[in-house]
N, C-alpha and C. Protein backbone atom coordinates (compact mmCIF):
# COMPACT_ATOMS: atom_id res chain seq x y z
N MET A 1 74.61 129.94 101.46
CA MET A 1 75.12 130.52 101.43
C MET A 1 76.32 129.76 100.93
N ILE A 2 76.91 131.08 100.18
CA ILE A 2 78.45 130.19 99.55
C ILE A 2 79.37 131.18 100.73
N THR A 3 80.20 130.26 101.06
CA THR A 3 81.42 130.58 101.52
C THR A 3 82.85 129.84 101.23
N SER A 4 84.29 130.68 101.39
CA SER A 4 85.35 129.62 100.92
C SER A 4 85.05 128.11 100.66
N ALA A 5 84.23 127.79 101.78
CA ALA A 5 84.84 126.53 101.93
C ALA A 5 84.02 125.35 101.22
N ASP A 6 83.12 126.16 100.60
CA ASP A 6 82.13 125.14 99.57
C ASP A 6 82.96 124.97 98.18
N ILE A 7 82.35 124.43 97.70
CA ILE A 7 83.37 123.98 95.92
C ILE A 7 81.76 123.96 95.16
N THR A 8 82.40 124.45 93.88
CA THR A 8 82.13 124.64 92.50
C THR A 8 81.86 123.29 91.48
N VAL A 9 80.71 122.80 90.85
CA VAL A 9 81.08 121.68 89.71
C VAL A 9 81.86 122.11 89.00
N ASP A 10 82.02 122.70 88.80
CA ASP A 10 83.63 123.28 87.65
C ASP A 10 84.56 123.07 87.99
N GLU A 11 84.60 123.51 89.28
CA GLU A 11 85.98 122.82 90.22
C GLU A 11 86.06 120.92 90.61
N LEU A 12 84.97 120.77 91.12
CA LEU A 12 85.32 119.28 91.66
C LEU A 12 85.47 118.53 89.87
N LYS A 13 84.58 119.04 88.67
CA LYS A 13 84.91 117.79 87.74
C LYS A 13 86.52 118.70 87.02
N GLU A 14 86.91 119.54 87.19
CA GLU A 14 88.30 119.87 87.09
C GLU A 14 89.20 118.87 87.78
N ARG A 15 88.66 118.82 89.51
CA ARG A 15 90.36 117.51 89.98
C ARG A 15 89.52 116.08 89.08
N LEU A 16 88.76 115.98 89.39
CA LEU A 16 88.61 114.54 88.87
C LEU A 16 88.85 113.93 87.61
N ASN A 17 89.28 115.11 86.16
CA ASN A 17 89.36 115.02 85.21
C ASN A 17 91.11 115.10 85.27
N LYS A 18 91.95 115.49 86.20
CA LYS A 18 93.03 115.09 86.34
C LYS A 18 93.12 114.13 87.42
N GLY A 19 92.24 113.79 87.93
CA GLY A 19 92.71 112.47 88.47
C GLY A 19 92.89 112.23 89.87
N GLU A 20 92.64 113.05 90.60
CA GLU A 20 92.47 113.42 92.07
C GLU A 20 91.15 112.58 92.30
N THR A 21 90.99 111.81 93.56
CA THR A 21 89.97 111.15 93.90
C THR A 21 89.44 111.45 95.20
N PRO A 22 89.20 112.70 95.73
CA PRO A 22 88.34 113.42 96.92
C PRO A 22 87.67 112.37 97.60
N VAL A 23 87.40 112.49 98.95
CA VAL A 23 86.40 111.63 99.61
C VAL A 23 85.06 112.86 99.28
N ILE A 24 83.77 111.51 98.48
CA ILE A 24 82.47 112.92 98.14
C ILE A 24 81.19 111.97 99.08
N ILE A 25 80.87 112.48 100.44
CA ILE A 25 79.58 111.69 100.36
C ILE A 25 78.68 112.41 100.11
N ASP A 26 77.89 111.63 99.53
CA ASP A 26 76.31 111.66 98.47
C ASP A 26 75.96 111.25 100.17
N VAL A 27 74.29 112.27 100.12
CA VAL A 27 73.70 112.12 101.24
C VAL A 27 72.23 112.31 100.81
N ARG A 28 71.78 111.61 99.84
CA ARG A 28 71.02 111.80 99.41
C ARG A 28 69.96 110.25 100.13
N GLU A 29 69.46 110.05 99.21
CA GLU A 29 68.51 108.64 99.73
C GLU A 29 69.26 107.88 98.63
N ASP A 30 68.59 106.00 99.28
CA ASP A 30 69.70 105.52 98.23
C ASP A 30 69.34 104.79 97.45
N TRP A 31 67.71 105.22 96.61
CA TRP A 31 67.03 105.21 95.46
C TRP A 31 67.79 106.50 94.79
N GLU A 32 67.27 107.66 95.58
CA GLU A 32 68.41 108.55 94.11
C GLU A 32 69.79 108.28 94.00
N TYR A 33 70.27 108.10 94.89
CA TYR A 33 72.32 107.93 94.81
C TYR A 33 71.72 106.67 93.82
N GLN A 34 71.37 105.78 93.54
CA GLN A 34 70.91 104.05 92.66
C GLN A 34 70.41 105.23 91.17
N GLU A 35 69.85 105.90 90.94
CA GLU A 35 69.69 106.74 89.61
C GLU A 35 70.59 107.43 89.13
N THR A 36 71.63 108.02 89.95
CA THR A 36 72.75 108.80 89.37
C THR A 36 73.36 109.43 90.54
N ARG A 37 74.52 109.66 89.97
CA ARG A 37 75.82 109.69 91.39
C ARG A 37 77.18 109.94 90.88
N ILE A 38 78.18 110.84 91.19
CA ILE A 38 79.29 111.16 90.72
C ILE A 38 80.25 109.81 91.34
N GLU A 39 80.75 109.07 90.05
CA GLU A 39 81.75 108.40 89.83
C GLU A 39 82.25 108.01 91.62
N GLY A 40 82.98 107.12 92.41
CA GLY A 40 83.23 107.27 93.49
C GLY A 40 83.44 107.65 95.01
N SER A 41 81.72 108.42 94.74
CA SER A 41 81.04 108.94 95.39
C SER A 41 80.78 107.61 97.13
N GLN A 42 80.77 107.98 97.79
CA GLN A 42 79.67 107.10 98.61
C GLN A 42 78.54 107.38 99.45
N ASN A 43 77.24 106.60 99.29
CA ASN A 43 76.51 106.87 99.71
C ASN A 43 75.75 107.08 101.19
N ILE A 44 75.67 108.18 102.00
CA ILE A 44 75.38 107.62 103.05
C ILE A 44 73.89 109.39 103.82
N PRO A 45 73.00 108.12 103.39
CA PRO A 45 71.33 109.78 104.00
C PRO A 45 72.06 110.04 104.73
N LEU A 46 71.07 111.36 104.66
CA LEU A 46 71.90 112.40 106.14
C LEU A 46 70.82 111.83 107.43
N GLY A 47 70.01 110.89 106.99
CA GLY A 47 69.10 110.66 108.35
C GLY A 47 70.17 109.34 108.67
N THR A 48 71.09 108.81 107.93
CA THR A 48 71.81 108.19 109.37
C THR A 48 73.55 108.27 109.35
N LEU A 49 73.53 109.84 108.43
CA LEU A 49 74.58 110.17 109.31
C LEU A 49 75.49 110.38 110.83
N PRO A 50 74.20 110.54 112.20
CA PRO A 50 74.95 110.96 113.08
C PRO A 50 75.45 109.16 113.37
N GLN A 51 74.84 107.80 112.84
CA GLN A 51 74.88 106.29 112.80
C GLN A 51 76.69 106.09 111.88
N ARG A 52 76.62 107.22 111.23
CA ARG A 52 77.93 106.27 109.89
C ARG A 52 78.78 106.94 110.51
N LEU A 53 78.66 108.07 112.04
CA LEU A 53 80.30 108.60 112.17
C LEU A 53 81.27 107.97 112.40
N ASP A 54 81.31 106.20 112.99
CA ASP A 54 82.51 106.15 113.79
C ASP A 54 83.23 105.59 112.25
N ASP A 55 82.50 105.30 111.35
CA ASP A 55 83.29 104.68 110.14
C ASP A 55 83.70 106.46 109.24
N LEU A 56 83.39 107.09 109.75
CA LEU A 56 84.36 108.52 109.71
C LEU A 56 84.73 109.16 109.57
N GLU A 57 84.96 108.71 110.62
CA GLU A 57 86.28 109.55 112.59
C GLU A 57 87.88 109.60 111.70
N ASP A 58 88.49 108.64 110.96
CA ASP A 58 89.70 109.03 109.94
C ASP A 58 89.64 109.83 108.89
N LEU A 59 89.02 110.41 108.86
CA LEU A 59 88.49 111.93 107.80
C LEU A 59 87.82 113.07 108.42
N LYS A 60 88.04 113.14 109.51
CA LYS A 60 88.08 114.56 110.36
C LYS A 60 89.12 115.47 110.31
N ASP A 61 90.14 115.33 109.71
CA ASP A 61 91.68 116.88 108.91
C ASP A 61 91.09 115.51 107.53
N GLN A 62 90.78 115.42 107.33
CA GLN A 62 90.94 115.46 105.54
C GLN A 62 89.90 115.96 104.28
N GLU A 63 89.65 116.65 103.71
CA GLU A 63 89.21 117.55 102.76
C GLU A 63 87.72 116.34 102.77
N VAL A 64 86.59 116.41 103.00
CA VAL A 64 85.91 116.08 102.88
C VAL A 64 84.34 116.24 102.21
N ILE A 65 83.93 116.21 101.04
CA ILE A 65 82.90 116.72 100.48
C ILE A 65 81.64 116.15 99.99
N VAL A 66 80.53 116.53 100.47
CA VAL A 66 79.21 116.44 100.49
C VAL A 66 78.52 116.68 99.21
N GLN A 67 77.64 116.25 98.88
CA GLN A 67 76.43 116.29 98.06
C GLN A 67 75.11 115.93 98.08
N CYS A 68 74.43 116.52 97.53
CA CYS A 68 72.70 115.93 97.72
C CYS A 68 72.09 116.67 95.89
N ARG A 69 70.94 116.58 96.52
CA ARG A 69 70.13 116.58 94.68
C ARG A 69 70.60 118.28 94.57
N SER A 70 70.42 119.46 95.69
CA SER A 70 70.52 120.84 94.91
C SER A 70 71.07 121.31 95.76
N GLY A 71 71.66 121.31 97.03
CA GLY A 71 72.73 121.63 97.85
C GLY A 71 72.17 121.91 99.01
N ALA A 72 70.89 121.40 99.81
CA ALA A 72 70.45 122.02 100.70
C ALA A 72 70.67 120.63 101.85
N ARG A 73 71.16 119.59 101.12
CA ARG A 73 70.79 118.18 102.11
C ARG A 73 72.07 118.85 102.79
N SER A 74 72.49 118.60 102.17
CA SER A 74 74.50 118.45 101.64
C SER A 74 75.06 119.77 102.62
N ALA A 75 74.19 120.71 102.55
CA ALA A 75 75.07 121.84 103.98
C ALA A 75 74.32 121.72 105.19
N ASN A 76 73.41 120.84 105.26
CA ASN A 76 72.90 120.17 106.85
C ASN A 76 73.31 119.42 107.04
N ALA A 77 74.26 118.55 105.93
CA ALA A 77 75.21 117.60 106.65
C ALA A 77 76.76 117.97 107.02
N LYS A 78 76.95 119.27 106.27
CA LYS A 78 78.00 120.21 106.27
C LYS A 78 77.96 120.58 107.70
N ALA A 79 77.26 121.16 108.24
CA ALA A 79 76.81 122.41 108.95
C ALA A 79 77.38 120.90 110.30
N PHE A 80 76.53 119.76 110.41
CA PHE A 80 76.62 118.77 110.88
C PHE A 80 77.64 118.48 111.08
N LEU A 81 78.89 118.04 110.40
CA LEU A 81 79.83 117.32 110.51
C LEU A 81 81.18 118.48 111.33
N GLN A 82 80.85 119.17 110.49
CA GLN A 82 81.48 120.60 111.14
C GLN A 82 81.56 120.86 112.83
N GLN A 83 80.04 120.74 113.15
CA GLN A 83 79.76 119.92 114.91
C GLN A 83 80.32 119.57 115.69
N GLN A 84 80.65 118.45 114.77
CA GLN A 84 81.59 117.16 115.18
C GLN A 84 82.83 116.73 114.83
N GLY A 85 83.43 117.99 114.85
CA GLY A 85 84.87 117.79 114.41
C GLY A 85 85.15 117.78 113.43
N PHE A 86 84.91 117.85 112.24
CA PHE A 86 85.46 117.81 110.94
C PHE A 86 86.07 119.20 110.54
N ASN A 87 87.04 118.91 110.57
CA ASN A 87 87.73 120.74 109.53
C ASN A 87 87.94 120.50 108.67
N ASN A 88 87.35 120.33 107.42
CA ASN A 88 87.60 121.06 105.50
C ASN A 88 86.12 119.69 104.95
N VAL A 89 84.92 119.87 105.24
CA VAL A 89 84.09 119.53 104.77
C VAL A 89 83.96 120.59 104.22
N ARG A 90 83.35 120.88 102.25
CA ARG A 90 82.50 121.43 101.61
C ARG A 90 81.86 120.96 100.68
N ASN A 91 80.26 121.67 100.72
CA ASN A 91 79.69 121.73 100.04
C ASN A 91 79.77 122.25 98.56
N LEU A 92 78.98 120.72 98.27
CA LEU A 92 78.88 121.22 96.62
C LEU A 92 77.28 121.93 96.07
N LEU A 93 77.86 122.80 95.83
CA LEU A 93 77.38 123.73 95.05
C LEU A 93 76.07 122.92 94.17
N GLY A 94 74.80 123.83 94.31
CA GLY A 94 74.46 123.17 93.61
C GLY A 94 74.04 121.40 93.34
N GLY A 95 74.50 120.74 94.09
CA GLY A 95 74.78 119.95 93.83
C GLY A 95 74.10 118.69 92.72
N ILE A 96 73.61 117.48 92.48
CA ILE A 96 73.99 116.37 91.62
C ILE A 96 72.69 117.33 90.39
N LEU A 97 72.36 118.02 90.75
CA LEU A 97 71.39 118.47 89.28
C LEU A 97 72.10 119.58 89.03
N ALA A 98 73.46 120.00 89.49
CA ALA A 98 74.00 121.27 88.52
C ALA A 98 75.53 120.53 88.35
N TYR A 99 75.78 119.31 88.78
CA TYR A 99 76.85 118.54 87.76
C TYR A 99 76.72 118.01 86.75
N ASN A 100 75.47 117.27 86.78
CA ASN A 100 74.81 116.41 85.79
C ASN A 100 74.19 117.51 84.65
N GLY A 101 73.67 119.17 85.08
CA GLY A 101 73.22 119.71 84.45
C GLY A 101 73.88 120.48 83.03
């Protein structure tokens, strides 16, 4: 499901090309992250997200972009973070497959 808060690959690439440095959390497993990643992203596998909430506390009112392989895990991460009080979470539509495609 696309919501207004989600972000397209084109929009993200345009922002990165302009020198912006948005917070990007890659929720794939470590081995997936090691194979290919978006420059500047941080890896927090979806299964470890609940344990890492304290590390992310300062981001509750900032834009946070979550991404995974195709957009499914990051959609779950987005929903979880919103339930935890994060106000501006955006899912990268199509994930790394679309980004690299």
